[in-house]
Amino acid sequence: MKTLVCRCEDVTLHELEAAMERGYKDIESVKRYTGFGTGWCQGKWCLALCARLIEERGGDVQK
């Protein structure tokens, strides 16, 4: 079972974590790597969730 963090672009929690493991630690670089927040809603549904997940995993959401 996959856990979606962005429904519009079908980005999973695993993909978000993989991006961070590859060194993408700020919200903009994770967004560019995974594509979350670039779908029809432009992040209205997923941005807060993804930001929280990035911050919980030691990333920087202030950039």
N, C-alpha and C. Protein backbone atom coordinates (compact mmCIF):
# COMPACT_ATOMS: atom_id res chain seq x y z
N MET A 1 0.84 -1.18 0.00
CA MET A 1 0.00 0.00 0.00
C MET A 1 0.89 1.24 0.00
N LYS A 2 0.59 2.18 -0.88
CA LYS A 2 1.39 3.40 -0.91
C LYS A 2 0.64 4.54 -0.24
N THR A 3 1.40 5.38 0.43
CA THR A 3 0.84 6.54 1.11
C THR A 3 1.09 7.76 0.25
N LEU A 4 0.02 8.34 -0.28
CA LEU A 4 0.16 9.52 -1.12
C LEU A 4 0.29 10.78 -0.26
N VAL A 5 1.24 11.62 -0.63
CA VAL A 5 1.36 12.93 0.02
C VAL A 5 0.92 14.03 -0.94
N CYS A 6 0.83 13.73 -2.22
CA CYS A 6 0.31 14.66 -3.23
C CYS A 6 -0.57 13.87 -4.18
N ARG A 7 -1.86 14.09 -4.07
CA ARG A 7 -2.81 13.35 -4.89
C ARG A 7 -2.75 13.77 -6.36
N CYS A 8 -2.54 15.03 -6.61
CA CYS A 8 -2.54 15.52 -8.00
C CYS A 8 -1.41 14.91 -8.83
N GLU A 9 -0.24 14.82 -8.23
CA GLU A 9 0.94 14.34 -8.95
C GLU A 9 1.33 12.92 -8.55
N ASP A 10 0.50 12.28 -7.71
CA ASP A 10 0.73 10.89 -7.31
C ASP A 10 2.10 10.69 -6.66
N VAL A 11 2.48 11.63 -5.80
CA VAL A 11 3.76 11.55 -5.09
C VAL A 11 3.53 10.81 -3.77
N THR A 12 4.37 9.82 -3.51
CA THR A 12 4.21 9.00 -2.31
C THR A 12 5.16 9.47 -1.20
N LEU A 13 4.85 9.02 -0.01
CA LEU A 13 5.72 9.29 1.14
C LEU A 13 7.11 8.70 0.88
N HIS A 14 7.16 7.53 0.30
CA HIS A 14 8.44 6.90 -0.02
C HIS A 14 9.28 7.79 -0.95
N GLU A 15 8.65 8.39 -1.95
CA GLU A 15 9.37 9.26 -2.88
C GLU A 15 9.89 10.52 -2.17
N LEU A 16 9.08 11.06 -1.27
CA LEU A 16 9.52 12.23 -0.51
C LEU A 16 10.72 11.88 0.36
N GLU A 17 10.66 10.74 1.03
CA GLU A 17 11.77 10.30 1.88
C GLU A 17 13.01 9.99 1.04
N ALA A 18 12.82 9.41 -0.14
CA ALA A 18 13.95 9.11 -1.02
C ALA A 18 14.64 10.39 -1.48
N ALA A 19 13.86 11.42 -1.75
CA ALA A 19 14.44 12.71 -2.15
C ALA A 19 15.31 13.26 -1.03
N MET A 20 14.83 13.15 0.20
CA MET A 20 15.60 13.66 1.33
C MET A 20 16.87 12.83 1.55
N GLU A 21 16.79 11.54 1.32
CA GLU A 21 17.97 10.68 1.44
C GLU A 21 19.02 11.04 0.39
N ARG A 22 18.59 11.54 -0.74
CA ARG A 22 19.51 11.94 -1.82
C ARG A 22 20.11 13.32 -1.57
N GLY A 23 19.70 13.97 -0.49
CA GLY A 23 20.30 15.25 -0.14
C GLY A 23 19.42 16.46 -0.35
N TYR A 24 18.22 16.26 -0.84
CA TYR A 24 17.30 17.39 -1.02
C TYR A 24 16.63 17.64 0.32
N LYS A 25 17.02 18.71 0.98
CA LYS A 25 16.57 18.94 2.35
C LYS A 25 15.65 20.13 2.53
N ASP A 26 15.53 21.00 1.52
CA ASP A 26 14.62 22.13 1.67
C ASP A 26 13.38 21.89 0.82
N ILE A 27 12.32 22.58 1.16
CA ILE A 27 11.03 22.31 0.55
C ILE A 27 11.04 22.53 -0.97
N GLU A 28 11.74 23.53 -1.43
CA GLU A 28 11.76 23.81 -2.87
C GLU A 28 12.49 22.72 -3.66
N SER A 29 13.61 22.25 -3.15
CA SER A 29 14.34 21.21 -3.88
C SER A 29 13.59 19.87 -3.84
N VAL A 30 12.94 19.56 -2.73
CA VAL A 30 12.13 18.34 -2.66
C VAL A 30 10.95 18.46 -3.62
N LYS A 31 10.37 19.64 -3.69
CA LYS A 31 9.26 19.88 -4.63
C LYS A 31 9.71 19.68 -6.07
N ARG A 32 10.86 20.22 -6.42
CA ARG A 32 11.38 20.07 -7.78
C ARG A 32 11.74 18.62 -8.10
N TYR A 33 12.27 17.90 -7.11
CA TYR A 33 12.67 16.51 -7.33
C TYR A 33 11.46 15.59 -7.48
N THR A 34 10.45 15.79 -6.62
CA THR A 34 9.30 14.87 -6.61
C THR A 34 8.13 15.36 -7.46
N GLY A 35 7.98 16.66 -7.58
CA GLY A 35 6.85 17.22 -8.31
C GLY A 35 5.63 17.51 -7.45
N PHE A 36 5.74 17.30 -6.13
CA PHE A 36 4.58 17.60 -5.30
C PHE A 36 4.26 19.09 -5.40
N GLY A 37 3.00 19.42 -5.33
CA GLY A 37 2.58 20.81 -5.36
C GLY A 37 2.55 21.45 -6.73
N THR A 38 2.75 20.66 -7.78
CA THR A 38 2.77 21.22 -9.14
C THR A 38 1.56 20.79 -9.96
N GLY A 39 0.62 20.12 -9.33
CA GLY A 39 -0.58 19.65 -10.04
C GLY A 39 -1.65 20.73 -10.11
N TRP A 40 -2.86 20.30 -10.38
CA TRP A 40 -3.95 21.25 -10.60
C TRP A 40 -4.25 22.12 -9.38
N CYS A 41 -3.99 21.62 -8.17
CA CYS A 41 -4.31 22.42 -6.97
C CYS A 41 -3.16 23.34 -6.57
N GLN A 42 -1.99 23.18 -7.21
CA GLN A 42 -0.82 24.02 -6.92
C GLN A 42 -0.42 24.01 -5.45
N GLY A 43 -0.57 22.86 -4.81
CA GLY A 43 -0.12 22.70 -3.43
C GLY A 43 -1.15 23.01 -2.36
N LYS A 44 -2.35 23.38 -2.76
CA LYS A 44 -3.37 23.71 -1.75
C LYS A 44 -3.71 22.53 -0.86
N TRP A 45 -3.60 21.31 -1.38
CA TRP A 45 -3.92 20.12 -0.60
C TRP A 45 -2.70 19.50 0.06
N CYS A 46 -1.53 19.62 -0.55
CA CYS A 46 -0.38 18.85 -0.07
C CYS A 46 0.75 19.66 0.54
N LEU A 47 0.81 20.94 0.31
CA LEU A 47 1.97 21.72 0.74
C LEU A 47 2.19 21.66 2.25
N ALA A 48 1.14 21.84 3.03
CA ALA A 48 1.28 21.82 4.49
C ALA A 48 1.74 20.45 4.97
N LEU A 49 1.17 19.39 4.41
CA LEU A 49 1.56 18.03 4.80
C LEU A 49 3.02 17.77 4.44
N CYS A 50 3.40 18.10 3.22
CA CYS A 50 4.78 17.85 2.79
C CYS A 50 5.76 18.69 3.61
N ALA A 51 5.41 19.92 3.90
CA ALA A 51 6.29 20.77 4.72
C ALA A 51 6.48 20.16 6.10
N ARG A 52 5.40 19.67 6.69
CA ARG A 52 5.50 19.05 8.01
C ARG A 52 6.38 17.80 7.95
N LEU A 53 6.19 16.98 6.94
CA LEU A 53 6.98 15.75 6.81
C LEU A 53 8.46 16.07 6.60
N ILE A 54 8.75 17.08 5.81
CA ILE A 54 10.14 17.48 5.57
C ILE A 54 10.77 17.98 6.86
N GLU A 55 10.04 18.81 7.58
CA GLU A 55 10.56 19.35 8.85
C GLU A 55 10.78 18.24 9.87
N GLU A 56 9.85 17.30 9.97
CA GLU A 56 9.98 16.19 10.92
C GLU A 56 11.21 15.33 10.62
N ARG A 57 11.63 15.32 9.37
CA ARG A 57 12.77 14.51 8.96
C ARG A 57 14.06 15.33 8.90
N GLY A 58 14.04 16.51 9.50
CA GLY A 58 15.25 17.32 9.62
C GLY A 58 15.50 18.29 8.49
N GLY A 59 14.53 18.47 7.62
CA GLY A 59 14.69 19.39 6.51
C GLY A 59 14.38 20.82 6.89
N ASP A 60 14.60 21.71 5.94
CA ASP A 60 14.39 23.15 6.16
C ASP A 60 13.19 23.61 5.35
N VAL A 61 12.16 24.07 6.03
CA VAL A 61 10.96 24.54 5.33
C VAL A 61 10.90 26.06 5.27
N GLN A 62 11.93 26.74 5.74
CA GLN A 62 11.93 28.20 5.75
C GLN A 62 12.48 28.81 4.48
N LYS A 63 13.10 28.03 3.61
CA LYS A 63 13.69 28.57 2.37
C LYS A 63 12.62 28.93 1.39
